[in-house]
PDB file of N, CA and C in Angstrom:
ATOM      1  N   MET A   1       8.278   9.959 -16.328  1.00  0.00           N
ATOM      2  CA  MET A   1       9.215  11.051 -16.242  1.00  0.00           C
ATOM      3  C   MET A   1       9.871  11.029 -14.874  1.00  0.00           C
ATOM      4  N   HIS A   2      10.970  11.696 -14.764  1.00  0.00           N
ATOM      5  CA  HIS A   2      11.763  11.708 -13.539  1.00  0.00           C
ATOM      6  C   HIS A   2      11.395  12.942 -12.713  1.00  0.00           C
ATOM      7  N   LEU A   3      11.162  12.753 -11.424  1.00  0.00           N
ATOM      8  CA  LEU A   3      10.825  13.855 -10.523  1.00  0.00           C
ATOM      9  C   LEU A   3      11.825  13.910  -9.385  1.00  0.00           C
ATOM     10  N   GLU A   4      12.288  15.126  -9.088  1.00  0.00           N
ATOM     11  CA  GLU A   4      13.102  15.376  -7.898  1.00  0.00           C
ATOM     12  C   GLU A   4      12.459  16.525  -7.145  1.00  0.00           C
ATOM     13  N   VAL A   5      12.260  16.337  -5.847  1.00  0.00           N
ATOM     14  CA  VAL A   5      11.755  17.400  -4.984  1.00  0.00           C
ATOM     15  C   VAL A   5      12.845  17.670  -3.958  1.00  0.00           C
ATOM     16  N   ILE A   6      13.367  18.889  -3.996  1.00  0.00           N
ATOM     17  CA  ILE A   6      14.516  19.251  -3.167  1.00  0.00           C
ATOM     18  C   ILE A   6      14.125  20.404  -2.253  1.00  0.00           C
ATOM     19  N   THR A   7      14.425  20.253  -0.967  1.00  0.00           N
ATOM     20  CA  THR A   7      14.218  21.322   0.005  1.00  0.00           C
ATOM     21  C   THR A   7      15.593  21.824   0.437  1.00  0.00           C
ATOM     22  N   PRO A   8      15.661  22.950   1.156  1.00  0.00           N
ATOM     23  CA  PRO A   8      16.972  23.463   1.564  1.00  0.00           C
ATOM     24  C   PRO A   8      17.811  22.479   2.378  1.00  0.00           C
ATOM     25  N   ASP A   9      17.160  21.559   3.093  1.00  0.00           N
ATOM     26  CA  ASP A   9      17.924  20.659   3.949  1.00  0.00           C
ATOM     27  C   ASP A   9      17.984  19.207   3.500  1.00  0.00           C
ATOM     28  N   LYS A  10      17.190  18.820   2.462  1.00  0.00           N
ATOM     29  CA  LYS A  10      17.267  17.413   2.048  1.00  0.00           C
ATOM     30  C   LYS A  10      16.612  17.180   0.690  1.00  0.00           C
ATOM     31  N   LEU A  11      16.918  16.026   0.136  1.00  0.00           N
ATOM     32  CA  LEU A  11      16.242  15.532  -1.057  1.00  0.00           C
ATOM     33  C   LEU A  11      14.988  14.823  -0.561  1.00  0.00           C
ATOM     34  N   LEU A  12      13.824  15.398  -0.841  1.00  0.00           N
ATOM     35  CA  LEU A  12      12.573  14.866  -0.313  1.00  0.00           C
ATOM     36  C   LEU A  12      12.067  13.679  -1.116  1.00  0.00           C
ATOM     37  N   TYR A  13      12.234  13.724  -2.432  1.00  0.00           N
ATOM     38  CA  TYR A  13      11.757  12.632  -3.285  1.00  0.00           C
ATOM     39  C   TYR A  13      12.581  12.599  -4.562  1.00  0.00           C
ATOM     40  N   LYS A  14      12.842  11.383  -5.036  1.00  0.00           N
ATOM     41  CA  LYS A  14      13.527  11.183  -6.310  1.00  0.00           C
ATOM     42  C   LYS A  14      13.013   9.878  -6.884  1.00  0.00           C
ATOM     43  N   GLY A  15      12.417   9.937  -8.068  1.00  0.00           N
ATOM     44  CA  GLY A  15      11.895   8.720  -8.661  1.00  0.00           C
ATOM     45  C   GLY A  15      11.106   8.982  -9.925  1.00  0.00           C
ATOM     46  N   MET A  16      10.567   7.908 -10.475  1.00  0.00           N
ATOM     47  CA  MET A  16       9.786   7.973 -11.704  1.00  0.00           C
ATOM     48  C   MET A  16       8.309   8.152 -11.362  1.00  0.00           C
ATOM     49  N   VAL A  17       7.661   9.088 -12.074  1.00  0.00           N
ATOM     50  CA  VAL A  17       6.248   9.371 -11.831  1.00  0.00           C
ATOM     51  C   VAL A  17       5.494   9.453 -13.151  1.00  0.00           C
ATOM     52  N   ASP A  18       4.193   9.250 -13.065  1.00  0.00           N
ATOM     53  CA  ASP A  18       3.318   9.422 -14.224  1.00  0.00           C
ATOM     54  C   ASP A  18       2.704  10.812 -14.243  1.00  0.00           C
ATOM     55  N   LEU A  19       2.505  11.400 -13.055  1.00  0.00           N
ATOM     56  CA  LEU A  19       1.811  12.682 -12.958  1.00  0.00           C
ATOM     57  C   LEU A  19       2.222  13.392 -11.683  1.00  0.00           C
ATOM     58  N   VAL A  20       2.385  14.718 -11.765  1.00  0.00           N
ATOM     59  CA  VAL A  20       2.579  15.540 -10.575  1.00  0.00           C
ATOM     60  C   VAL A  20       1.689  16.774 -10.720  1.00  0.00           C
ATOM     61  N   ASN A  21       0.905  17.062  -9.679  1.00  0.00           N
ATOM     62  CA  ASN A  21       0.051  18.250  -9.626  1.00  0.00           C
ATOM     63  C   ASN A  21       0.670  19.228  -8.641  1.00  0.00           C
ATOM     64  N   LEU A  22       0.781  20.492  -9.074  1.00  0.00           N
ATOM     65  CA  LEU A  22       1.492  21.493  -8.291  1.00  0.00           C
ATOM     66  C   LEU A  22       0.635  22.733  -8.056  1.00  0.00           C
ATOM     67  N   PRO A  23       0.892  23.456  -6.935  1.00  0.00           N
ATOM     68  CA  PRO A  23       0.163  24.688  -6.643  1.00  0.00           C
ATOM     69  C   PRO A  23       0.871  25.909  -7.239  1.00  0.00           C
ATOM     70  N   GLY A  24       0.544  26.263  -8.461  1.00  0.00           N
ATOM     71  CA  GLY A  24       1.152  27.424  -9.106  1.00  0.00           C
ATOM     72  C   GLY A  24       0.558  28.720  -8.591  1.00  0.00           C
ATOM     73  N   ILE A  25       1.239  29.833  -8.833  1.00  0.00           N
ATOM     74  CA  ILE A  25       0.728  31.121  -8.356  1.00  0.00           C
ATOM     75  C   ILE A  25      -0.541  31.537  -9.094  1.00  0.00           C
ATOM     76  N   ASP A  26      -0.774  30.984 -10.275  1.00  0.00           N
ATOM     77  CA  ASP A  26      -1.994  31.274 -11.032  1.00  0.00           C
ATOM     78  C   ASP A  26      -3.003  30.135 -10.944  1.00  0.00           C
ATOM     79  N   GLY A  27      -2.799  29.214 -10.030  1.00  0.00           N
ATOM     80  CA  GLY A  27      -3.697  28.076  -9.865  1.00  0.00           C
ATOM     81  C   GLY A  27      -2.963  26.752 -10.001  1.00  0.00           C
ATOM     82  N   ARG A  28      -3.644  25.676  -9.695  1.00  0.00           N
ATOM     83  CA  ARG A  28      -3.045  24.340  -9.757  1.00  0.00           C
ATOM     84  C   ARG A  28      -2.839  23.924 -11.202  1.00  0.00           C
ATOM     85  N   PHE A  29      -1.788  23.141 -11.435  1.00  0.00           N
ATOM     86  CA  PHE A  29      -1.540  22.606 -12.774  1.00  0.00           C
ATOM     87  C   PHE A  29      -0.872  21.253 -12.661  1.00  0.00           C
ATOM     88  N   GLY A  30      -1.048  20.440 -13.693  1.00  0.00           N
ATOM     89  CA  GLY A  30      -0.480  19.099 -13.717  1.00  0.00           C
ATOM     90  C   GLY A  30       0.587  18.974 -14.779  1.00  0.00           C
ATOM     91  N   ILE A  31       1.547  18.094 -14.520  1.00  0.00           N
ATOM     92  CA  ILE A  31       2.629  17.812 -15.459  1.00  0.00           C
ATOM     93  C   ILE A  31       2.640  16.315 -15.714  1.00  0.00           C
ATOM     94  N   MET A  32       2.630  15.960 -16.992  1.00  0.00           N
ATOM     95  CA  MET A  32       2.701  14.559 -17.406  1.00  0.00           C
ATOM     96  C   MET A  32       3.892  14.384 -18.344  1.00  0.00           C
ATOM     97  N   ASN A  33       4.152  13.159 -18.731  1.00  0.00           N
ATOM     98  CA  ASN A  33       5.247  12.841 -19.638  1.00  0.00           C
ATOM     99  C   ASN A  33       5.157  13.689 -20.910  1.00  0.00           C
ATOM    100  N   SER A  34       6.298  14.099 -21.443  1.00  0.00           N
ATOM    101  CA  SER A  34       6.416  14.892 -22.674  1.00  0.00           C
ATOM    102  C   SER A  34       5.828  16.291 -22.549  1.00  0.00           C
ATOM    103  N   HIS A  35       5.768  16.832 -21.349  1.00  0.00           N
ATOM    104  CA  HIS A  35       5.273  18.190 -21.141  1.00  0.00           C
ATOM    105  C   HIS A  35       6.242  19.183 -21.780  1.00  0.00           C
ATOM    106  N   ALA A  36       5.727  20.291 -22.250  1.00  0.00           N
ATOM    107  CA  ALA A  36       6.559  21.353 -22.822  1.00  0.00           C
ATOM    108  C   ALA A  36       7.496  21.909 -21.749  1.00  0.00           C
ATOM    109  N   PRO A  37       8.696  22.351 -22.142  1.00  0.00           N
ATOM    110  CA  PRO A  37       9.621  22.944 -21.174  1.00  0.00           C
ATOM    111  C   PRO A  37       8.998  24.175 -20.511  1.00  0.00           C
ATOM    112  N   MET A  38       9.266  24.346 -19.228  1.00  0.00           N
ATOM    113  CA  MET A  38       8.753  25.528 -18.529  1.00  0.00           C
ATOM    114  C   MET A  38       9.453  25.708 -17.195  1.00  0.00           C
ATOM    115  N   ILE A  39       9.364  26.931 -16.698  1.00  0.00           N
ATOM    116  CA  ILE A  39       9.770  27.279 -15.339  1.00  0.00           C
ATOM    117  C   ILE A  39       8.593  28.039 -14.753  1.00  0.00           C
ATOM    118  N   ASN A  40       8.201  27.698 -13.520  1.00  0.00           N
ATOM    119  CA  ASN A  40       7.027  28.321 -12.923  1.00  0.00           C
ATOM    120  C   ASN A  40       7.251  28.507 -11.428  1.00  0.00           C
ATOM    121  N   VAL A  41       6.656  29.559 -10.883  1.00  0.00           N
ATOM    122  CA  VAL A  41       6.722  29.833  -9.452  1.00  0.00           C
ATOM    123  C   VAL A  41       5.573  29.109  -8.758  1.00  0.00           C
ATOM    124  N   LEU A  42       5.873  28.529  -7.602  1.00  0.00           N
ATOM    125  CA  LEU A  42       4.874  27.788  -6.832  1.00  0.00           C
ATOM    126  C   LEU A  42       4.504  28.561  -5.574  1.00  0.00           C
ATOM    127  N   GLN A  43       3.261  28.407  -5.153  1.00  0.00           N
ATOM    128  CA  GLN A  43       2.806  29.016  -3.911  1.00  0.00           C
ATOM    129  C   GLN A  43       2.616  27.934  -2.848  1.00  0.00           C
ATOM    130  N   ASP A  44       2.290  28.362  -1.640  1.00  0.00           N
ATOM    131  CA  ASP A  44       1.983  27.404  -0.575  1.00  0.00           C
ATOM    132  C   ASP A  44       0.856  26.489  -1.034  1.00  0.00           C
ATOM    133  N   GLY A  45       0.995  25.205  -0.772  1.00  0.00           N
ATOM    134  CA  GLY A  45      -0.063  24.284  -1.149  1.00  0.00           C
ATOM    135  C   GLY A  45       0.388  22.843  -1.132  1.00  0.00           C
ATOM    136  N   VAL A  46      -0.430  21.998  -1.739  1.00  0.00           N
ATOM    137  CA  VAL A  46      -0.208  20.556  -1.726  1.00  0.00           C
ATOM    138  C   VAL A  46       0.331  20.094  -3.075  1.00  0.00           C
ATOM    139  N   VAL A  47       1.391  19.296  -3.030  1.00  0.00           N
ATOM    140  CA  VAL A  47       1.928  18.632  -4.219  1.00  0.00           C
ATOM    141  C   VAL A  47       1.371  17.214  -4.213  1.00  0.00           C
ATOM    142  N   GLU A  48       0.754  16.821  -5.317  1.00  0.00           N
ATOM    143  CA  GLU A  48       0.199  15.474  -5.446  1.00  0.00           C
ATOM    144  C   GLU A  48       1.013  14.714  -6.480  1.00  0.00           C
ATOM    145  N   VAL A  49       1.441  13.504  -6.122  1.00  0.00           N
ATOM    146  CA  VAL A  49       2.308  12.700  -6.981  1.00  0.00           C
ATOM    147  C   VAL A  49       1.648  11.353  -7.249  1.00  0.00           C
ATOM    148  N   GLU A  50       1.667  10.946  -8.499  1.00  0.00           N
ATOM    149  CA  GLU A  50       1.237   9.599  -8.877  1.00  0.00           C
ATOM    150  C   GLU A  50       2.472   8.889  -9.416  1.00  0.00           C
ATOM    151  N   GLN A  51       2.965   7.937  -8.638  1.00  0.00           N
ATOM    152  CA  GLN A  51       4.198   7.251  -8.997  1.00  0.00           C
ATOM    153  C   GLN A  51       4.021   6.377 -10.223  1.00  0.00           C
ATOM    154  N   SER A  52       5.117   6.182 -10.923  1.00  0.00           N
ATOM    155  CA  SER A  52       5.109   5.307 -12.084  1.00  0.00           C
ATOM    156  C   SER A  52       4.794   3.890 -11.651  1.00  0.00           C
ATOM    157  N   THR A  53       4.147   3.150 -12.524  1.00  0.00           N
ATOM    158  CA  THR A  53       3.822   1.766 -12.210  1.00  0.00           C
ATOM    159  C   THR A  53       5.047   0.867 -12.298  1.00  0.00           C
ATOM    160  N   LYS A  54       6.122   1.378 -12.876  1.00  0.00           N
ATOM    161  CA  LYS A  54       7.371   0.611 -12.956  1.00  0.00           C
ATOM    162  C   LYS A  54       8.023   0.573 -11.576  1.00  0.00           C
ATOM    163  N   ASP A  55       9.033  -0.241 -11.455  1.00  0.00           N
ATOM    164  CA  ASP A  55       9.798  -0.286 -10.208  1.00  0.00           C
ATOM    165  C   ASP A  55      10.333   1.108  -9.946  1.00  0.00           C
ATOM    166  N   ASN A  56      10.062   1.649  -8.779  1.00  0.00           N
ATOM    167  CA  ASN A  56      10.383   3.038  -8.485  1.00  0.00           C
ATOM    168  C   ASN A  56      11.610   3.159  -7.583  1.00  0.00           C
ATOM    169  N   GLN A  57      12.678   2.509  -7.970  1.00  0.00           N
ATOM    170  CA  GLN A  57      13.910   2.572  -7.202  1.00  0.00           C
ATOM    171  C   GLN A  57      15.004   3.126  -8.104  1.00  0.00           C
ATOM    172  N   THR A  58      15.681   4.167  -7.628  1.00  0.00           N
ATOM    173  CA  THR A  58      16.699   4.848  -8.408  1.00  0.00           C
ATOM    174  C   THR A  58      18.010   4.837  -7.639  1.00  0.00           C
ATOM    175  N   PHE A  59      19.120   4.576  -8.335  1.00  0.00           N
ATOM    176  CA  PHE A  59      20.425   4.597  -7.695  1.00  0.00           C
ATOM    177  C   PHE A  59      20.956   6.020  -7.705  1.00  0.00           C
ATOM    178  N   ASP A  60      21.315   6.537  -6.531  1.00  0.00           N
ATOM    179  CA  ASP A  60      21.883   7.873  -6.403  1.00  0.00           C
ATOM    180  C   ASP A  60      23.401   7.746  -6.356  1.00  0.00           C
ATOM    181  N   GLY A  61      24.053   8.153  -7.440  1.00  0.00           N
ATOM    182  CA  GLY A  61      25.498   8.016  -7.539  1.00  0.00           C
ATOM    183  C   GLY A  61      26.259   8.829  -6.506  1.00  0.00           C
ATOM    184  N   LEU A  62      25.701   9.964  -6.055  1.00  0.00           N
ATOM    185  CA  LEU A  62      26.392  10.794  -5.075  1.00  0.00           C
ATOM    186  C   LEU A  62      26.450  10.130  -3.706  1.00  0.00           C
ATOM    187  N   SER A  63      25.339   9.561  -3.277  1.00  0.00           N
ATOM    188  CA  SER A  63      25.314   8.934  -1.957  1.00  0.00           C
ATOM    189  C   SER A  63      25.680   7.457  -2.011  1.00  0.00           C
ATOM    190  N   GLY A  64      25.614   6.870  -3.225  1.00  0.00           N
ATOM    191  CA  GLY A  64      25.894   5.449  -3.361  1.00  0.00           C
ATOM    192  C   GLY A  64      24.778   4.563  -2.834  1.00  0.00           C
ATOM    193  N   GLU A  65      23.577   5.121  -2.722  1.00  0.00           N
ATOM    194  CA  GLU A  65      22.444   4.376  -2.183  1.00  0.00           C
ATOM    195  C   GLU A  65      21.291   4.361  -3.181  1.00  0.00           C
ATOM    196  N   PHE A  66      20.388   3.408  -3.000  1.00  0.00           N
ATOM    197  CA  PHE A  66      19.154   3.393  -3.776  1.00  0.00           C
ATOM    198  C   PHE A  66      18.136   4.286  -3.080  1.00  0.00           C
ATOM    199  N   VAL A  67      17.503   5.165  -3.850  1.00  0.00           N
ATOM    200  CA  VAL A  67      16.455   6.033  -3.334  1.00  0.00           C
ATOM    201  C   VAL A  67      15.131   5.423  -3.755  1.00  0.00           C
ATOM    202  N   THR A  68      14.307   5.082  -2.787  1.00  0.00           N
ATOM    203  CA  THR A  68      13.031   4.425  -3.090  1.00  0.00           C
ATOM    204  C   THR A  68      11.874   5.362  -2.787  1.00  0.00           C
ATOM    205  N   ASP A  69      10.689   4.938  -3.172  1.00  0.00           N
ATOM    206  CA  ASP A  69       9.505   5.757  -2.954  1.00  0.00           C
ATOM    207  C   ASP A  69       9.302   6.017  -1.470  1.00  0.00           C
ATOM    208  N   ILE A  70       8.668   7.134  -1.172  1.00  0.00           N
ATOM    209  CA  ILE A  70       8.446   7.495   0.232  1.00  0.00           C
ATOM    210  C   ILE A  70       7.107   7.005   0.745  1.00  0.00           C
ATOM    211  N   ALA A  71       6.352   6.336  -0.091  1.00  0.00           N
ATOM    212  CA  ALA A  71       5.055   5.804   0.331  1.00  0.00           C
ATOM    213  C   ALA A  71       4.815   4.463  -0.337  1.00  0.00           C
ATOM    214  N   LYS A  72       4.103   3.612   0.330  1.00  0.00           N
ATOM    215  CA  LYS A  72       3.780   2.315  -0.265  1.00  0.00           C
ATOM    216  C   LYS A  72       2.682   2.460  -1.310  1.00  0.00           C
ATOM    217  N   ASP A  73       1.876   3.490  -1.189  1.00  0.00           N
ATOM    218  CA  ASP A  73       0.801   3.725  -2.143  1.00  0.00           C
ATOM    219  C   ASP A  73       1.354   4.313  -3.433  1.00  0.00           C
ATOM    220  N   LYS A  74       0.613   4.109  -4.507  1.00  0.00           N
ATOM    221  CA  LYS A  74       1.004   4.675  -5.787  1.00  0.00           C
ATOM    222  C   LYS A  74       0.865   6.193  -5.761  1.00  0.00           C
ATOM    223  N   ARG A  75      -0.123   6.694  -5.032  1.00  0.00           N
ATOM    224  CA  ARG A  75      -0.364   8.134  -4.951  1.00  0.00           C
ATOM    225  C   ARG A  75      -0.070   8.627  -3.541  1.00  0.00           C
ATOM    226  N   PHE A  76       0.527   9.797  -3.453  1.00  0.00           N
ATOM    227  CA  PHE A  76       0.748  10.430  -2.162  1.00  0.00           C
ATOM    228  C   PHE A  76       0.833  11.933  -2.369  1.00  0.00           C
ATOM    229  N   SER A  77       0.784  12.680  -1.281  1.00  0.00           N
ATOM    230  CA  SER A  77       0.861  14.135  -1.366  1.00  0.00           C
ATOM    231  C   SER A  77       1.609  14.677  -0.159  1.00  0.00           C
ATOM    232  N   PHE A  78       2.078  15.910  -0.292  1.00  0.00           N
ATOM    233  CA  PHE A  78       2.750  16.594   0.800  1.00  0.00           C
ATOM    234  C   PHE A  78       2.624  18.093   0.571  1.00  0.00           C
ATOM    235  N   GLU A  79       2.809  18.866   1.632  1.00  0.00           N
ATOM    236  CA  GLU A  79       2.670  20.318   1.548  1.00  0.00           C
ATOM    237  C   GLU A  79       4.018  20.980   1.337  1.00  0.00           C
ATOM    238  N   ILE A  80       3.986  22.102   0.589  1.00  0.00           N
ATOM    239  CA  ILE A  80       5.168  22.939   0.421  1.00  0.00           C
ATOM    240  C   ILE A  80       4.792  24.369   0.788  1.00  0.00           C
ATOM    241  N   LYS A  81       5.803  25.180   1.023  1.00  0.00           N
ATOM    242  CA  LYS A  81       5.585  26.595   1.326  1.00  0.00           C
ATOM    243  C   LYS A  81       6.204  27.434   0.224  1.00  0.00           C
ATOM    244  N   GLY A  82       5.787  27.169  -0.991  1.00  0.00           N
ATOM    245  CA  GLY A  82       6.295  27.924  -2.135  1.00  0.00           C
ATOM    246  C   GLY A  82       7.533  27.286  -2.720  1.00  0.00           C
ATOM    247  N   GLY A  83       7.942  27.814  -3.873  1.00  0.00           N
ATOM    248  CA  GLY A  83       9.134  27.307  -4.532  1.00  0.00           C
ATOM    249  C   GLY A  83       9.116  27.578  -6.021  1.00  0.00           C
ATOM    250  N   VAL A  84       9.887  26.792  -6.749  1.00  0.00           N
ATOM    251  CA  VAL A  84      10.033  26.923  -8.197  1.00  0.00           C
ATOM    252  C   VAL A  84      10.056  25.525  -8.797  1.00  0.00           C
ATOM    253  N   VAL A  85       9.483  25.380 -10.008  1.00  0.00           N
ATOM    254  CA  VAL A  85       9.535  24.110 -10.722  1.00  0.00           C
ATOM    255  C   VAL A  85      10.139  24.349 -12.099  1.00  0.00           C
ATOM    256  N   GLU A  86      10.983  23.416 -12.525  1.00  0.00           N
ATOM    257  CA  GLU A  86      11.537  23.424 -13.881  1.00  0.00           C
ATOM    258  C   GLU A  86      11.173  22.100 -14.540  1.00  0.00           C
ATOM    259  N   VAL A  87      10.683  22.176 -15.782  1.00  0.00           N
ATOM    260  CA  VAL A  87      10.351  20.990 -16.567  1.00  0.00           C
ATOM    261  C   VAL A  87      11.176  21.047 -17.842  1.00  0.00           C
ATOM    262  N   LEU A  88      11.949  19.986 -18.106  1.00  0.00           N
ATOM    263  CA  LEU A  88      12.784  19.941 -19.303  1.00  0.00           C
ATOM    264  C   LEU A  88      13.129  18.487 -19.616  1.00  0.00           C
ATOM    265  N   ASN A  89      12.835  18.061 -20.837  1.00  0.00           N
ATOM    266  CA  ASN A  89      13.197  16.718 -21.309  1.00  0.00           C
ATOM    267  C   ASN A  89      12.729  15.602 -20.372  1.00  0.00           C
ATOM    268  N   ASN A  90      11.468  15.625 -19.998  1.00  0.00           N
ATOM    269  CA  ASN A  90      10.871  14.602 -19.130  1.00  0.00           C
ATOM    270  C   ASN A  90      11.528  14.509 -17.755  1.00  0.00           C
ATOM    271  N   LYS A  91      12.085  15.629 -17.303  1.00  0.00           N
ATOM    272  CA  LYS A  91      12.628  15.710 -15.951  1.00  0.00           C
ATOM    273  C   LYS A  91      12.004  16.925 -15.273  1.00  0.00           C
ATOM    274  N   VAL A  92      11.446  16.701 -14.092  1.00  0.00           N
ATOM    275  CA  VAL A  92      10.808  17.764 -13.323  1.00  0.00           C
ATOM    276  C   VAL A  92      11.614  17.957 -12.044  1.00  0.00           C
ATOM    277  N   ILE A  93      12.067  19.187 -11.824  1.00  0.00           N
ATOM    278  CA  ILE A  93      12.802  19.511 -10.602  1.00  0.00           C
ATOM    279  C   ILE A  93      12.001  20.555  -9.841  1.00  0.00           C
ATOM    280  N   VAL A  94      11.645  20.220  -8.603  1.00  0.00           N
ATOM    281  CA  VAL A  94      10.918  21.137  -7.733  1.00  0.00           C
ATOM    282  C   VAL A  94      11.866  21.561  -6.623  1.00  0.00           C
ATOM    283  N   LEU A  95      12.124  22.868  -6.532  1.00  0.00           N
ATOM    284  CA  LEU A  95      12.887  23.433  -5.424  1.00  0.00           C
ATOM    285  C   LEU A  95      11.862  24.073  -4.501  1.00  0.00           C
ATOM    286  N   ALA A  96      11.687  23.505  -3.322  1.00  0.00           N
ATOM    287  CA  ALA A  96      10.591  23.921  -2.447  1.00  0.00           C
ATOM    288  C   ALA A  96      11.060  24.153  -1.026  1.00  0.00           C
ATOM    289  N   GLU A  97      10.230  24.887  -0.283  1.00  0.00           N
ATOM    290  CA  GLU A  97      10.467  25.083   1.147  1.00  0.00           C
ATOM    291  C   GLU A  97       9.489  24.245   1.932  1.00  0.00           C
TER     292      GLU A  97
END
């Protein structure tokens, strides 16, 4: 599935992933391929990403550049200070601070 993590000042991550674990206000939850559509509020915490085993390079038509993974490892994590997640048609968009 496709994941985008967007902060107020930049696109933090864009690429294909197998799994993303998020800090929801009612506890942590994971999203995998073919997840049901949803919108959820996120609290301060750690986002854990497991990148797709496929080539994880995506062409960004707006910037005209290839956006590649932010880590050499298949798995990585980073902290957010709350936000919102939308899941629809195998696309996950995280708007975070």
